[in-house]
Amino acid sequence: MTPHPRRHSLFTALLGLCCLALTACAQSNIPRISPTEAAAQVAAGEAILIDVREAAEWADTGVAAPARLHALSNLRGDRSAWAETLADAKAHHTPLLLYCRSGNRSGQAAAALAAEGFTVANVGGFRDWQAADLPTRAADEPPAKSTP
């Protein structure tokens, strides 16, 4: 017996809405800080800045100068790109400051990492970083030496 197509569509839509609501709830508990505040913390060696966008986005727009580049897709996958940074953050109790294009994916990453016990904050989007006139670099250049 196959399910009725309308019921299946309705169920799928409701499931999607529930997932969005749960993500929004989890993200609402994540502190949001300004790019200027994030830059100051990173420059002082008090936090690690992470760009969670994908490699094509990094190449298209550049990245924040001190950012480590760890895609959200890798966090959700085998975490190979994240392993060293997560180990450093855990060993030194260093906060992770995350950004993406608009702040949504960084919020998702922050919520996932907070659930694992990491101290996190959402810095918002790369365009906020640029609007604050903070330093940027090409994705293929090494990060500025201000990350611990």
Protein backbone atom coordinates (compact mmCIF):
# COMPACT_ATOMS: atom_id res chain seq x y z
CA MET A 1 0.00 0.00 0.00
CA THR A 2 1.47 3.37 -0.99
CA PRO A 3 0.87 6.56 0.98
CA HIS A 4 -1.42 9.19 -0.45
CA PRO A 5 0.70 11.80 -2.32
CA ARG A 6 -0.95 14.74 -0.52
CA ARG A 7 -0.36 13.22 2.90
CA HIS A 8 3.25 12.50 2.01
CA SER A 9 3.76 16.10 0.84
CA LEU A 10 2.09 17.48 3.94
CA PHE A 11 4.20 15.25 6.18
CA THR A 12 7.38 16.34 4.38
CA ALA A 13 6.45 20.01 4.71
CA LEU A 14 5.67 19.65 8.43
CA LEU A 15 8.90 17.76 9.02
CA GLY A 16 10.83 20.55 7.27
CA LEU A 17 9.12 23.21 9.39
CA CYS A 18 9.93 21.29 12.57
CA CYS A 19 13.60 21.05 11.56
CA LEU A 20 13.70 24.79 10.88
CA ALA A 21 12.08 25.55 14.23
CA LEU A 22 14.53 23.31 16.09
CA THR A 23 17.49 24.93 14.32
CA ALA A 24 16.16 28.40 15.15
CA CYS A 25 15.71 27.40 18.81
CA ALA A 26 19.22 26.00 19.04
CA GLN A 27 20.67 29.08 17.33
CA SER A 28 18.77 31.48 19.56
CA ASN A 29 20.90 30.38 22.52
CA ILE A 30 24.13 31.17 20.68
CA PRO A 31 25.70 34.55 21.51
CA ARG A 32 26.09 36.91 18.57
CA ILE A 33 29.07 39.27 18.53
CA SER A 34 30.10 41.98 16.11
CA PRO A 35 32.93 41.49 13.65
CA THR A 36 34.85 44.26 15.43
CA GLU A 37 34.55 42.47 18.76
CA ALA A 38 35.55 39.17 17.12
CA ALA A 39 38.60 40.77 15.50
CA ALA A 40 39.70 42.18 18.86
CA GLN A 41 39.34 38.79 20.60
CA VAL A 42 41.24 37.00 17.85
CA ALA A 43 44.00 39.65 17.78
CA ALA A 44 44.40 39.26 21.56
CA GLY A 45 44.76 35.48 21.15
CA GLU A 46 41.53 34.91 23.08
CA ALA A 47 39.51 33.20 20.33
CA ILE A 48 39.68 31.37 17.00
CA LEU A 49 37.81 32.79 13.99
CA ILE A 50 36.36 30.23 11.56
CA ASP A 51 34.77 30.73 8.15
CA VAL A 52 32.24 27.91 7.66
CA ARG A 53 31.39 28.69 4.03
CA GLU A 54 32.38 26.36 1.21
CA ALA A 55 35.65 26.52 -0.76
CA ALA A 56 34.02 28.06 -3.85
CA GLU A 57 32.67 30.91 -1.72
CA TRP A 58 36.08 31.50 -0.16
CA ALA A 59 37.63 31.69 -3.63
CA ASP A 60 34.91 34.02 -4.96
CA THR A 61 34.91 36.59 -2.16
CA GLY A 62 38.04 36.17 -0.07
CA VAL A 63 37.96 35.60 3.68
CA ALA A 64 38.63 37.42 6.94
CA ALA A 65 42.40 37.76 7.33
CA PRO A 66 42.71 35.77 10.58
CA ALA A 67 40.10 33.11 9.71
CA ARG A 68 40.65 29.41 9.62
CA LEU A 69 38.71 27.85 6.74
CA HIS A 70 36.55 24.92 7.82
CA ALA A 71 33.39 24.26 5.80
CA LEU A 72 30.13 23.42 7.56
CA SER A 73 29.82 20.42 5.22
CA ASN A 74 33.06 19.01 6.67
CA LEU A 75 31.82 19.60 10.23
CA ARG A 76 28.78 17.53 9.30
CA GLY A 77 31.00 14.95 7.61
CA ASP A 78 34.29 13.38 8.70
CA ARG A 79 35.59 16.59 10.34
CA SER A 80 39.06 16.08 8.89
CA ALA A 81 39.49 19.82 8.27
CA TRP A 82 38.21 20.65 11.76
CA ALA A 83 40.22 18.11 13.80
CA GLU A 84 43.23 20.25 14.70
CA THR A 85 41.19 23.37 15.44
CA LEU A 86 38.72 21.49 17.63
CA ALA A 87 41.56 19.80 19.51
CA ASP A 88 43.25 23.20 20.06
CA ALA A 89 40.02 24.80 21.23
CA LYS A 90 39.28 21.95 23.63
CA ALA A 91 42.82 21.79 25.05
CA HIS A 92 43.08 25.54 25.64
CA HIS A 93 39.38 26.28 26.32
CA THR A 94 39.47 28.74 23.44
CA PRO A 95 36.16 30.13 22.14
CA LEU A 96 35.28 29.51 18.50
CA LEU A 97 33.89 32.51 16.62
CA LEU A 98 32.08 31.47 13.44
CA TYR A 99 30.89 33.31 10.36
CA CYS A 100 29.48 32.45 6.94
CA ARG A 101 27.82 34.53 4.23
CA SER A 102 24.82 35.75 6.22
CA GLY A 103 25.04 34.21 9.70
CA ASN A 104 22.70 31.25 9.18
CA ARG A 105 25.23 28.45 8.56
CA SER A 106 27.57 29.85 11.19
CA GLY A 107 24.63 29.69 13.61
CA GLN A 108 24.05 26.05 12.69
CA ALA A 109 27.73 25.21 13.19
CA ALA A 110 27.81 27.13 16.47
CA ALA A 111 24.73 25.28 17.76
CA ALA A 112 26.26 21.90 16.88
CA LEU A 113 29.57 22.77 18.54
CA ALA A 114 27.89 24.26 21.62
CA ALA A 115 25.98 20.99 22.04
CA GLU A 116 29.38 19.27 22.19
CA GLY A 117 30.58 21.60 24.94
CA PHE A 118 32.55 24.16 22.95
CA THR A 119 32.31 27.85 23.76
CA VAL A 120 31.06 29.54 20.60
CA ALA A 121 29.69 32.78 19.19
CA ASN A 122 28.16 33.70 15.84
CA VAL A 123 29.90 36.62 14.12
CA GLY A 124 27.29 36.77 11.34
CA GLY A 125 28.25 37.16 7.72
CA PHE A 126 31.41 37.92 5.78
CA ARG A 127 29.71 41.01 4.38
CA ASP A 128 29.43 42.29 7.99
CA TRP A 129 33.20 41.77 8.34
CA GLN A 130 33.77 43.71 5.12
CA ALA A 131 31.33 46.46 6.14
CA ALA A 132 33.33 46.92 9.36
CA ASP A 133 36.39 47.52 7.13
CA LEU A 134 38.30 44.67 8.77
CA PRO A 135 41.24 42.99 6.99
CA THR A 136 40.59 40.31 4.39
CA ARG A 137 42.79 38.00 2.32
CA ALA A 138 42.55 35.62 -0.59
CA ALA A 139 41.54 32.11 0.42
CA ASP A 140 44.83 30.65 -0.82
CA GLU A 141 46.91 32.95 1.43
CA PRO A 142 47.74 31.82 4.98
CA PRO A 143 45.73 33.29 7.85
CA ALA A 144 47.09 36.25 9.76
CA LYS A 145 49.15 35.12 12.74
CA SER A 146 46.63 36.29 15.32
CA THR A 147 44.86 32.94 15.80
CA PRO A 148 46.10 30.83 18.74
